C-alpha cells in the first residue's frame, strides 16, 4: 500500500481485546457508519506489547466513536500505558479525537515532541485514568509539544495523581468542558472522585484560552490550584492568558486558587464565577486592567 494514501477504517461494534495497532500512514479509525452510537471498545488486559499505547500513531490520525480501556505497562517502563500514544514526526501531522472515551488507562492520550503538530479533542470523555503508583505521574491527556492543542465539549473525571489536562503546546484552548479535580463527577458516567493534582496545567505558557468550562475541585485533589499557567517556565516568545466565562467551584478544600500565574503574565479574566474559591488569581496583581 502507498503510505501517501489516506485510509478510512470502519470497525463493527463490539469489544476488541488486546488488539493493538501501529499507525504508519494517515488514516481515520471510526465506528462503522451503519452503527453510529454503538460501542467499539479497544480493551487491553495485558501489558502493552509495544510499551506505548493501544494505538501507537506515527502519522496523522483521526479516531471517532471509539472507547480505549485498560492500557498499562509496568512502572519500570514508566507506568504510562496510553489509550493513544502519538509519536508522529511529520510537521503536518494532526491528531483528531472525536466522540471517544478513555477509561481506566494509565494515560488517556500522550503525544510526543512534534512542535508543529495540531491536536484536537472534541465531545470525548476521560474517565478514571491515571496510575495509583506515586512514583509515576500520569495525566488524562498530556500534549508534550505542538503548534496548537484544543479540547472542547469534553468530560474529565476520576483522574489519579496527575493532571486532567496538561499542555506544552504553543497554543492551548480548553472550552465548554467539565473537569472534576479530586471531586466526584457524574456517577452515570462511572466517575470516581480521583486524586488529581490540577484540572488544567499549561506548563510552559504560550497562548492559553480557557473559556466556558465547569472546573470543580473536591477534597481528594492533591493541589489546591485549579488552573496552572507557566509554572515550569515560559518557553515561547509570545505568552497570553485568557480565562473567561468559567465556573470555578471548590468543595471542602482550604485556600483554593482558581488560577496560578507565577510568572505574572497579565491574565485577562472576565465573566467567571467562583464558589468556595479563596484566591481567584495568584499573584493578584497579574490581572490585566
C-alpha atoms as a PDB file:
ATOM      1  CA  UNK A   1       0.000   0.000   0.000  1.00  0.00           C
ATOM      2  CA  UNK A   2       1.168   3.503  -0.817  1.00  0.00           C
ATOM      3  CA  UNK A   3       1.808   5.302   2.508  1.00  0.00           C
ATOM      4  CA  UNK A   4       0.754   8.583   0.885  1.00  0.00           C
ATOM      5  CA  UNK A   5      -2.823   7.295   0.545  1.00  0.00           C
ATOM      6  CA  UNK A   6      -5.389   8.126   3.200  1.00  0.00           C
ATOM      7  CA  UNK A   7      -7.370   5.253   4.688  1.00  0.00           C
ATOM      8  CA  UNK A   8     -10.730   5.218   6.467  1.00  0.00           C
ATOM      9  CA  UNK A   9     -11.083   2.119   8.650  1.00  0.00           C
ATOM     10  CA  UNK A  10     -14.598   1.186   9.826  1.00  0.00           C
ATOM     11  CA  UNK A  11     -14.914  -1.011  12.886  1.00  0.00           C
ATOM     12  CA  UNK A  12     -18.003  -3.069  13.637  1.00  0.00           C
ATOM     13  CA  UNK A  13     -19.461  -2.613  17.135  1.00  0.00           C
ATOM     14  CA  UNK A  14     -18.004  -4.924  19.750  1.00  0.00           C
ATOM     15  CA  UNK A  15     -15.042  -5.373  22.079  1.00  0.00           C
ATOM     16  CA  UNK A  16     -11.601  -5.887  20.571  1.00  0.00           C
ATOM     17  CA  UNK A  17      -9.442  -7.360  23.332  1.00  0.00           C
ATOM     18  CA  UNK A  18      -5.652  -6.961  23.149  1.00  0.00           C
ATOM     19  CA  UNK A  19      -5.904  -5.888  19.525  1.00  0.00           C
ATOM     20  CA  UNK A  20      -3.077  -3.363  19.241  1.00  0.00           C
ATOM     21  CA  UNK A  21      -2.098  -1.377  16.147  1.00  0.00           C
ATOM     22  CA  UNK A  22       0.719   0.830  14.879  1.00  0.00           C
ATOM     23  CA  UNK A  23      -0.427   3.622  12.562  1.00  0.00           C
ATOM     24  CA  UNK A  24       2.145   4.276   9.833  1.00  0.00           C
ATOM     25  CA  UNK A  25       0.078   6.251   7.314  1.00  0.00           C
ATOM     26  CA  UNK A  26      -2.638   8.917   7.590  1.00  0.00           C
ATOM     27  CA  UNK A  27      -5.997   7.398   8.455  1.00  0.00           C
ATOM     28  CA  UNK A  28      -9.322   7.626  10.231  1.00  0.00           C
ATOM     29  CA  UNK A  29     -10.456   4.804  12.512  1.00  0.00           C
ATOM     30  CA  UNK A  30     -14.139   5.001  13.404  1.00  0.00           C
ATOM     31  CA  UNK A  31     -17.271   3.051  14.188  1.00  0.00           C
ATOM     32  CA  UNK A  32     -18.964   1.717  11.054  1.00  0.00           C
ATOM     33  CA  UNK A  33     -21.368   4.466   9.890  1.00  0.00           C
ATOM     34  CA  UNK A  34     -24.126   1.865   9.870  1.00  0.00           C
ATOM     35  CA  UNK A  35     -23.888   1.633  13.637  1.00  0.00           C
ATOM     36  CA  UNK A  36     -23.161   5.149  14.876  1.00  0.00           C
ATOM     37  CA  UNK A  37     -23.737   5.343  18.625  1.00  0.00           C
ATOM     38  CA  UNK A  38     -22.926   1.692  19.269  1.00  0.00           C
ATOM     39  CA  UNK A  39     -19.758   0.941  21.225  1.00  0.00           C
ATOM     40  CA  UNK A  40     -16.462  -0.050  19.671  1.00  0.00           C
ATOM     41  CA  UNK A  41     -14.135  -0.835  22.578  1.00  0.00           C
ATOM     42  CA  UNK A  42     -10.393  -1.434  22.333  1.00  0.00           C
ATOM     43  CA  UNK A  43      -9.675  -3.193  25.606  1.00  0.00           C
ATOM     44  CA  UNK A  44      -6.217  -4.041  26.983  1.00  0.00           C
ATOM     45  CA  UNK A  45      -5.981  -6.794  29.581  1.00  0.00           C
ATOM     46  CA  UNK A  46      -2.211  -7.387  29.266  1.00  0.00           C
ATOM     47  CA  UNK A  47       0.806  -5.102  29.408  1.00  0.00           C
ATOM     48  CA  UNK A  48       1.031  -3.262  26.099  1.00  0.00           C
ATOM     49  CA  UNK A  49       3.470  -5.232  23.919  1.00  0.00           C
ATOM     50  CA  UNK A  50       4.699  -2.033  22.245  1.00  0.00           C
ATOM     51  CA  UNK A  51       5.133  -0.411  25.701  1.00  0.00           C
ATOM     52  CA  UNK A  52       3.366   2.690  24.322  1.00  0.00           C
ATOM     53  CA  UNK A  53      -0.350   2.617  23.582  1.00  0.00           C
ATOM     54  CA  UNK A  54      -3.328   0.600  22.416  1.00  0.00           C
ATOM     55  CA  UNK A  55      -2.889   2.659  19.257  1.00  0.00           C
ATOM     56  CA  UNK A  56       0.638   3.860  18.512  1.00  0.00           C
ATOM     57  CA  UNK A  57       0.400   6.629  15.926  1.00  0.00           C
ATOM     58  CA  UNK A  58       3.390   7.564  13.756  1.00  0.00           C
ATOM     59  CA  UNK A  59       1.280   9.518  11.273  1.00  0.00           C
ATOM     60  CA  UNK A  60      -1.802  11.717  11.185  1.00  0.00           C
ATOM     61  CA  UNK A  61      -4.726  10.010  12.874  1.00  0.00           C
ATOM     62  CA  UNK A  62      -8.416  10.691  13.414  1.00  0.00           C
ATOM     63  CA  UNK A  63     -10.451   8.497  15.761  1.00  0.00           C
ATOM     64  CA  UNK A  64     -14.218   8.802  16.025  1.00  0.00           C
ATOM     65  CA  UNK A  65     -16.544   6.898  18.320  1.00  0.00           C
ATOM     66  CA  UNK A  66     -14.006   4.565  19.946  1.00  0.00           C
ATOM     67  CA  UNK A  67     -13.513   3.506  23.564  1.00  0.00           C
ATOM     68  CA  UNK A  68      -9.990   2.869  24.880  1.00  0.00           C
ATOM     69  CA  UNK A  69      -9.749   0.932  28.129  1.00  0.00           C
ATOM     70  CA  UNK A  70      -7.151  -0.639  30.385  1.00  0.00           C
ATOM     71  CA  UNK A  71      -3.863   0.470  28.785  1.00  0.00           C
ATOM     72  CA  UNK A  72      -0.988  -0.326  31.142  1.00  0.00           C
ATOM     73  CA  UNK A  73       2.712  -1.121  31.353  1.00  0.00           C
ATOM     74  CA  UNK A  74       4.982  -1.752  34.323  1.00  0.00           C
ATOM     75  CA  UNK A  75       6.300   1.060  36.490  1.00  0.00           C
ATOM     76  CA  UNK A  76       9.818   0.042  35.443  1.00  0.00           C
ATOM     77  CA  UNK A  77       8.898   1.123  31.899  1.00  0.00           C
ATOM     78  CA  UNK A  78       7.263   4.353  33.039  1.00  0.00           C
ATOM     79  CA  UNK A  79       3.823   3.170  34.070  1.00  0.00           C
ATOM     80  CA  UNK A  80       2.314   5.312  31.308  1.00  0.00           C
ATOM     81  CA  UNK A  81       0.469   2.963  29.001  1.00  0.00           C
ATOM     82  CA  UNK A  82      -1.866   5.120  26.898  1.00  0.00           C
ATOM     83  CA  UNK A  83      -5.085   4.672  25.014  1.00  0.00           C
ATOM     84  CA  UNK A  84      -3.395   6.591  22.198  1.00  0.00           C
ATOM     85  CA  UNK A  85       0.343   7.238  22.096  1.00  0.00           C
ATOM     86  CA  UNK A  86       1.244   9.693  19.343  1.00  0.00           C
ATOM     87  CA  UNK A  87       4.851   9.926  18.140  1.00  0.00           C
ATOM     88  CA  UNK A  88       4.423  11.355  14.656  1.00  0.00           C
ATOM     89  CA  UNK A  89       7.342  13.464  13.427  1.00  0.00           C
ATOM     90  CA  UNK A  90       5.583  14.743  10.294  1.00  0.00           C
ATOM     91  CA  UNK A  91       5.424  18.555  10.538  1.00  0.00           C
ATOM     92  CA  UNK A  92       1.926  18.434   9.018  1.00  0.00           C
ATOM     93  CA  UNK A  93       0.692  15.761  11.422  1.00  0.00           C
ATOM     94  CA  UNK A  94      -2.694  16.040  13.109  1.00  0.00           C
ATOM     95  CA  UNK A  95      -4.279  14.029  15.892  1.00  0.00           C
ATOM     96  CA  UNK A  96      -8.060  14.427  15.973  1.00  0.00           C
ATOM     97  CA  UNK A  97     -10.173  12.694  18.612  1.00  0.00           C
ATOM     98  CA  UNK A  98     -13.957  12.877  18.360  1.00  0.00           C
ATOM     99  CA  UNK A  99     -16.796  11.260  20.316  1.00  0.00           C
ATOM    100  CA  UNK A 100     -14.437   8.869  22.073  1.00  0.00           C
ATOM    101  CA  UNK A 101     -13.953   7.521  25.592  1.00  0.00           C
ATOM    102  CA  UNK A 102     -10.748   6.852  27.545  1.00  0.00           C
ATOM    103  CA  UNK A 103     -11.375   4.858  30.702  1.00  0.00           C
ATOM    104  CA  UNK A 104      -9.106   3.132  33.238  1.00  0.00           C
ATOM    105  CA  UNK A 105      -5.901   3.725  31.287  1.00  0.00           C
ATOM    106  CA  UNK A 106      -2.668   4.772  32.945  1.00  0.00           C
ATOM    107  CA  UNK A 107      -2.636   7.682  30.490  1.00  0.00           C
ATOM    108  CA  UNK A 108      -5.543   8.616  28.258  1.00  0.00           C
ATOM    109  CA  UNK A 109      -3.612  10.299  25.441  1.00  0.00           C
ATOM    110  CA  UNK A 110       0.125  11.007  25.328  1.00  0.00           C
ATOM    111  CA  UNK A 111       1.806  12.907  22.488  1.00  0.00           C
ATOM    112  CA  UNK A 112       5.465  13.350  21.580  1.00  0.00           C
ATOM    113  CA  UNK A 113       7.885  16.162  20.763  1.00  0.00           C
ATOM    114  CA  UNK A 114       6.454  17.367  17.431  1.00  0.00           C
ATOM    115  CA  UNK A 115       6.322  21.156  17.827  1.00  0.00           C
ATOM    116  CA  UNK A 116       4.355  21.558  14.578  1.00  0.00           C
ATOM    117  CA  UNK A 117       1.564  19.108  15.311  1.00  0.00           C
ATOM    118  CA  UNK A 118      -2.098  20.031  15.776  1.00  0.00           C
ATOM    119  CA  UNK A 119      -4.098  18.081  18.374  1.00  0.00           C
ATOM    120  CA  UNK A 120      -7.883  18.497  18.613  1.00  0.00           C
ATOM    121  CA  UNK A 121     -10.203  16.709  21.061  1.00  0.00           C
ATOM    122  CA  UNK A 122     -13.969  17.161  20.991  1.00  0.00           C
ATOM    123  CA  UNK A 123     -17.061  15.546  22.513  1.00  0.00           C
ATOM    124  CA  UNK A 124     -14.990  12.973  24.373  1.00  0.00           C
ATOM    125  CA  UNK A 125     -14.745  11.567  27.898  1.00  0.00           C
ATOM    126  CA  UNK A 126     -11.693  10.817  30.037  1.00  0.00           C
ATOM    127  CA  UNK A 127     -12.831   8.718  32.997  1.00  0.00           C
ATOM    128  CA  UNK A 128     -10.804   7.228  35.884  1.00  0.00           C
ATOM    129  CA  UNK A 129      -7.459   7.323  34.131  1.00  0.00           C
ATOM    130  CA  UNK A 130      -4.085   7.540  35.871  1.00  0.00           C
ATOM    131  CA  UNK A 131      -1.677   5.354  37.780  1.00  0.00           C
ATOM    132  CA  UNK A 132      -2.086   4.924  41.560  1.00  0.00           C
ATOM    133  CA  UNK A 133       1.690   4.375  41.916  1.00  0.00           C
ATOM    134  CA  UNK A 134       3.057   7.625  43.428  1.00  0.00           C
ATOM    135  CA  UNK A 135       6.442   7.013  41.805  1.00  0.00           C
ATOM    136  CA  UNK A 136       4.893   7.841  38.409  1.00  0.00           C
ATOM    137  CA  UNK A 137       2.720  10.802  37.448  1.00  0.00           C
ATOM    138  CA  UNK A 138       0.285  10.345  34.576  1.00  0.00           C
ATOM    139  CA  UNK A 139      -2.437  12.507  33.059  1.00  0.00           C
ATOM    140  CA  UNK A 140      -5.815  12.328  31.349  1.00  0.00           C
ATOM    141  CA  UNK A 141      -4.296  13.924  28.278  1.00  0.00           C
ATOM    142  CA  UNK A 142      -0.697  15.107  28.022  1.00  0.00           C
ATOM    143  CA  UNK A 143       0.390  17.140  24.996  1.00  0.00           C
ATOM    144  CA  UNK A 144       4.166  17.219  25.238  1.00  0.00           C
ATOM    145  CA  UNK A 145       4.578  19.693  22.339  1.00  0.00           C
ATOM    146  CA  UNK A 146       2.525  21.114  19.500  1.00  0.00           C
ATOM    147  CA  UNK A 147       1.595  24.169  17.482  1.00  0.00           C
ATOM    148  CA  UNK A 148      -1.996  24.008  18.692  1.00  0.00           C
ATOM    149  CA  UNK A 149      -3.990  21.898  21.128  1.00  0.00           C
ATOM    150  CA  UNK A 150      -7.712  22.229  21.726  1.00  0.00           C
ATOM    151  CA  UNK A 151     -10.253  20.454  23.925  1.00  0.00           C
ATOM    152  CA  UNK A 152     -13.965  21.191  23.599  1.00  0.00           C
ATOM    153  CA  UNK A 153     -17.237  19.767  24.922  1.00  0.00           C
ATOM    154  CA  UNK A 154     -15.489  17.028  26.865  1.00  0.00           C
ATOM    155  CA  UNK A 155     -15.605  15.444  30.320  1.00  0.00           C
ATOM    156  CA  UNK A 156     -12.670  14.678  32.626  1.00  0.00           C
ATOM    157  CA  UNK A 157     -13.219  12.898  35.930  1.00  0.00           C
ATOM    158  CA  UNK A 158     -11.601  10.410  38.289  1.00  0.00           C
ATOM    159  CA  UNK A 159      -8.018  11.219  37.268  1.00  0.00           C
ATOM    160  CA  UNK A 160      -5.416   9.738  39.640  1.00  0.00           C
ATOM    161  CA  UNK A 161      -2.481  11.820  40.935  1.00  0.00           C
ATOM    162  CA  UNK A 162      -1.644  13.612  37.666  1.00  0.00           C
ATOM    163  CA  UNK A 163      -3.484  16.390  35.859  1.00  0.00           C
ATOM    164  CA  UNK A 164      -6.670  16.040  33.862  1.00  0.00           C
ATOM    165  CA  UNK A 165      -5.324  18.233  31.032  1.00  0.00           C
ATOM    166  CA  UNK A 166      -1.614  19.029  30.620  1.00  0.00           C
ATOM    167  CA  UNK A 167      -0.288  21.003  27.666  1.00  0.00           C
ATOM    168  CA  UNK A 168       3.087  22.261  26.487  1.00  0.00           C
ATOM    169  CA  UNK A 169       1.715  23.425  23.124  1.00  0.00           C
ATOM    170  CA  UNK A 170       2.308  26.928  21.784  1.00  0.00           C
ATOM    171  CA  UNK A 171      -1.457  27.491  21.703  1.00  0.00           C
ATOM    172  CA  UNK A 172      -3.791  25.803  24.194  1.00  0.00           C
ATOM    173  CA  UNK A 173      -7.577  26.120  24.135  1.00  0.00           C
ATOM    174  CA  UNK A 174      -9.927  24.423  26.592  1.00  0.00           C
ATOM    175  CA  UNK A 175     -13.595  25.232  26.141  1.00  0.00           C
ATOM    176  CA  UNK A 176     -17.105  24.158  27.147  1.00  0.00           C
ATOM    177  CA  UNK A 177     -15.882  21.158  29.136  1.00  0.00           C
ATOM    178  CA  UNK A 178     -16.454  19.678  32.586  1.00  0.00           C
ATOM    179  CA  UNK A 179     -13.352  18.884  34.625  1.00  0.00           C
ATOM    180  CA  UNK A 180     -13.640  17.290  38.065  1.00  0.00           C
ATOM    181  CA  UNK A 181     -10.424  17.725  40.044  1.00  0.00           C
ATOM    182  CA  UNK A 182     -10.475  15.367  43.007  1.00  0.00           C
ATOM    183  CA  UNK A 183     -14.249  15.608  43.074  1.00  0.00           C
ATOM    184  CA  UNK A 184     -16.933  13.064  42.285  1.00  0.00           C
ATOM    185  CA  UNK A 185     -18.114  13.514  38.720  1.00  0.00           C
ATOM    186  CA  UNK A 186     -21.326  12.250  37.122  1.00  0.00           C
ATOM    187  CA  UNK A 187     -21.972   8.791  38.546  1.00  0.00           C
ATOM    188  CA  UNK A 188     -23.965   7.872  35.460  1.00  0.00           C
ATOM    189  CA  UNK A 189     -20.672   8.091  33.562  1.00  0.00           C
ATOM    190  CA  UNK A 190     -18.926   5.873  36.122  1.00  0.00           C
ATOM    191  CA  UNK A 191     -16.829   8.735  37.503  1.00  0.00           C
ATOM    192  CA  UNK A 192     -14.877   8.237  40.726  1.00  0.00           C
ATOM    193  CA  UNK A 193     -13.532  11.148  42.812  1.00  0.00           C
ATOM    194  CA  UNK A 194      -9.939  10.516  41.777  1.00  0.00           C
ATOM    195  CA  UNK A 195      -6.955  12.322  43.277  1.00  0.00           C
ATOM    196  CA  UNK A 196      -5.840  14.657  40.507  1.00  0.00           C
ATOM    197  CA  UNK A 197      -3.338  17.436  41.068  1.00  0.00           C
ATOM    198  CA  UNK A 198      -4.644  20.090  38.654  1.00  0.00           C
ATOM    199  CA  UNK A 199      -7.620  20.440  36.360  1.00  0.00           C
ATOM    200  CA  UNK A 200      -5.600  22.274  33.673  1.00  0.00           C
ATOM    201  CA  UNK A 201      -1.825  22.672  33.531  1.00  0.00           C
ATOM    202  CA  UNK A 202      -0.420  24.904  30.778  1.00  0.00           C
ATOM    203  CA  UNK A 203       3.105  24.095  31.853  1.00  0.00           C
ATOM    204  CA  UNK A 204       5.217  26.326  29.595  1.00  0.00           C
ATOM    205  CA  UNK A 205       2.940  29.217  28.773  1.00  0.00           C
ATOM    206  CA  UNK A 206       2.198  30.253  25.199  1.00  0.00           C
ATOM    207  CA  UNK A 207      -1.241  31.499  24.197  1.00  0.00           C
ATOM    208  CA  UNK A 208      -3.804  29.915  26.524  1.00  0.00           C
ATOM    209  CA  UNK A 209      -7.557  30.432  26.256  1.00  0.00           C
ATOM    210  CA  UNK A 210      -9.804  28.769  28.836  1.00  0.00           C
ATOM    211  CA  UNK A 211     -13.483  29.542  28.264  1.00  0.00           C
ATOM    212  CA  UNK A 212     -16.924  28.295  29.240  1.00  0.00           C
ATOM    213  CA  UNK A 213     -15.801  25.386  31.418  1.00  0.00           C
ATOM    214  CA  UNK A 214     -17.045  23.941  34.694  1.00  0.00           C
ATOM    215  CA  UNK A 215     -13.947  23.393  36.845  1.00  0.00           C
ATOM    216  CA  UNK A 216     -14.892  21.557  40.030  1.00  0.00           C
ATOM    217  CA  UNK A 217     -12.370  20.827  42.763  1.00  0.00           C
ATOM    218  CA  UNK A 218     -13.002  18.390  45.604  1.00  0.00           C
ATOM    219  CA  UNK A 219     -11.330  17.306  48.814  1.00  0.00           C
ATOM    220  CA  UNK A 220      -9.429  14.471  47.100  1.00  0.00           C
ATOM    221  CA  UNK A 221      -7.308  16.822  44.993  1.00  0.00           C
ATOM    222  CA  UNK A 222      -3.560  16.838  45.639  1.00  0.00           C
ATOM    223  CA  UNK A 223      -3.180  20.522  44.776  1.00  0.00           C
ATOM    224  CA  UNK A 224      -5.407  23.421  45.789  1.00  0.00           C
ATOM    225  CA  UNK A 225      -4.781  25.203  42.500  1.00  0.00           C
ATOM    226  CA  UNK A 226      -7.234  24.504  39.665  1.00  0.00           C
ATOM    227  CA  UNK A 227      -5.557  26.131  36.633  1.00  0.00           C
ATOM    228  CA  UNK A 228      -1.780  26.495  36.472  1.00  0.00           C
ATOM    229  CA  UNK A 229      -0.077  28.644  33.825  1.00  0.00           C
ATOM    230  CA  UNK A 230       3.673  28.623  33.115  1.00  0.00           C
ATOM    231  CA  UNK A 231       4.848  27.109  36.399  1.00  0.00           C
ATOM    232  CA  UNK A 232       7.541  25.067  34.619  1.00  0.00           C
ATOM    233  CA  UNK A 233       8.944  28.129  32.822  1.00  0.00           C
ATOM    234  CA  UNK A 234       7.918  30.190  29.791  1.00  0.00           C
ATOM    235  CA  UNK A 235       9.491  28.828  26.613  1.00  0.00           C
ATOM    236  CA  UNK A 236       7.552  30.799  23.974  1.00  0.00           C
ATOM    237  CA  UNK A 237       8.228  34.323  22.738  1.00  0.00           C
ATOM    238  CA  UNK A 238       4.511  35.137  22.884  1.00  0.00           C
ATOM    239  CA  UNK A 239       2.561  34.453  26.075  1.00  0.00           C
ATOM    240  CA  UNK A 240      -1.030  35.306  26.926  1.00  0.00           C
ATOM    241  CA  UNK A 241      -3.722  34.030  29.243  1.00  0.00           C
ATOM    242  CA  UNK A 242      -7.474  34.459  28.724  1.00  0.00           C
ATOM    243  CA  UNK A 243      -9.837  32.919  31.287  1.00  0.00           C
ATOM    244  CA  UNK A 244     -13.464  33.772  30.571  1.00  0.00           C
ATOM    245  CA  UNK A 245     -16.946  32.503  31.305  1.00  0.00           C
ATOM    246  CA  UNK A 246     -15.838  29.618  33.526  1.00  0.00           C
ATOM    247  CA  UNK A 247     -17.466  28.341  36.718  1.00  0.00           C
ATOM    248  CA  UNK A 248     -14.810  27.644  39.380  1.00  0.00           C
ATOM    249  CA  UNK A 249     -16.087  25.533  42.281  1.00  0.00           C
ATOM    250  CA  UNK A 250     -14.096  24.245  45.245  1.00  0.00           C
ATOM    251  CA  UNK A 251     -15.707  21.928  47.779  1.00  0.00           C
ATOM    252  CA  UNK A 252     -14.011  21.124  51.061  1.00  0.00           C
ATOM    253  CA  UNK A 253     -10.561  22.383  50.064  1.00  0.00           C
ATOM    254  CA  UNK A 254      -8.825  25.141  52.053  1.00  0.00           C
ATOM    255  CA  UNK A 255      -7.104  28.041  50.292  1.00  0.00           C
ATOM    256  CA  UNK A 256      -8.384  27.066  46.850  1.00  0.00           C
ATOM    257  CA  UNK A 257      -6.841  29.075  43.997  1.00  0.00           C
ATOM    258  CA  UNK A 258      -8.643  29.346  40.677  1.00  0.00           C
ATOM    259  CA  UNK A 259      -5.697  30.490  38.516  1.00  0.00           C
ATOM    260  CA  UNK A 260      -1.991  30.364  39.414  1.00  0.00           C
ATOM    261  CA  UNK A 261       0.230  32.564  37.216  1.00  0.00           C
ATOM    262  CA  UNK A 262       3.670  32.598  38.898  1.00  0.00           C
ATOM    263  CA  UNK A 263       5.394  34.439  36.031  1.00  0.00           C
ATOM    264  CA  UNK A 264       2.772  37.174  36.188  1.00  0.00           C
ATOM    265  CA  UNK A 265       1.765  37.066  32.540  1.00  0.00           C
ATOM    266  CA  UNK A 266      -1.074  39.572  32.550  1.00  0.00           C
ATOM    267  CA  UNK A 267      -4.171  37.416  32.676  1.00  0.00           C
ATOM    268  CA  UNK A 268      -7.424  38.574  31.129  1.00  0.00           C
ATOM    269  CA  UNK A 269     -10.081  37.206  33.491  1.00  0.00           C
ATOM    270  CA  UNK A 270     -13.711  38.024  32.766  1.00  0.00           C
ATOM    271  CA  UNK A 271     -17.224  36.756  33.448  1.00  0.00           C
ATOM    272  CA  UNK A 272     -16.082  33.857  35.613  1.00  0.00           C
ATOM    273  CA  UNK A 273     -17.987  32.701  38.683  1.00  0.00           C
ATOM    274  CA  UNK A 274     -16.367  31.397  41.859  1.00  0.00           C
ATOM    275  CA  UNK A 275     -17.797  29.224  44.635  1.00  0.00           C
ATOM    276  CA  UNK A 276     -15.621  28.241  47.577  1.00  0.00           C
ATOM    277  CA  UNK A 277     -12.581  29.884  45.999  1.00  0.00           C
ATOM    278  CA  UNK A 278     -10.206  31.706  48.366  1.00  0.00           C
ATOM    279  CA  UNK A 279      -7.985  33.266  45.691  1.00  0.00           C
ATOM    280  CA  UNK A 280      -9.174  33.943  42.149  1.00  0.00           C
ATOM    281  CA  UNK A 281      -5.749  34.863  40.721  1.00  0.00           C
ATOM    282  CA  UNK A 282      -2.331  34.368  42.298  1.00  0.00           C
ATOM    283  CA  UNK A 283      -0.470  36.759  42.259  1.00  0.00           C
ATOM    284  CA  UNK A 284      -3.477  39.092  42.329  1.00  0.00           C
ATOM    285  CA  UNK A 285      -1.611  41.943  40.603  1.00  0.00           C
ATOM    286  CA  UNK A 286      -1.191  39.838  37.427  1.00  0.00           C
ATOM    287  CA  UNK A 287      -4.659  40.685  36.159  1.00  0.00           C
ATOM    288  CA  UNK A 288      -4.778  42.874  33.075  1.00  0.00           C
ATOM    289  CA  UNK A 289      -6.545  46.206  33.589  1.00  0.00           C
END
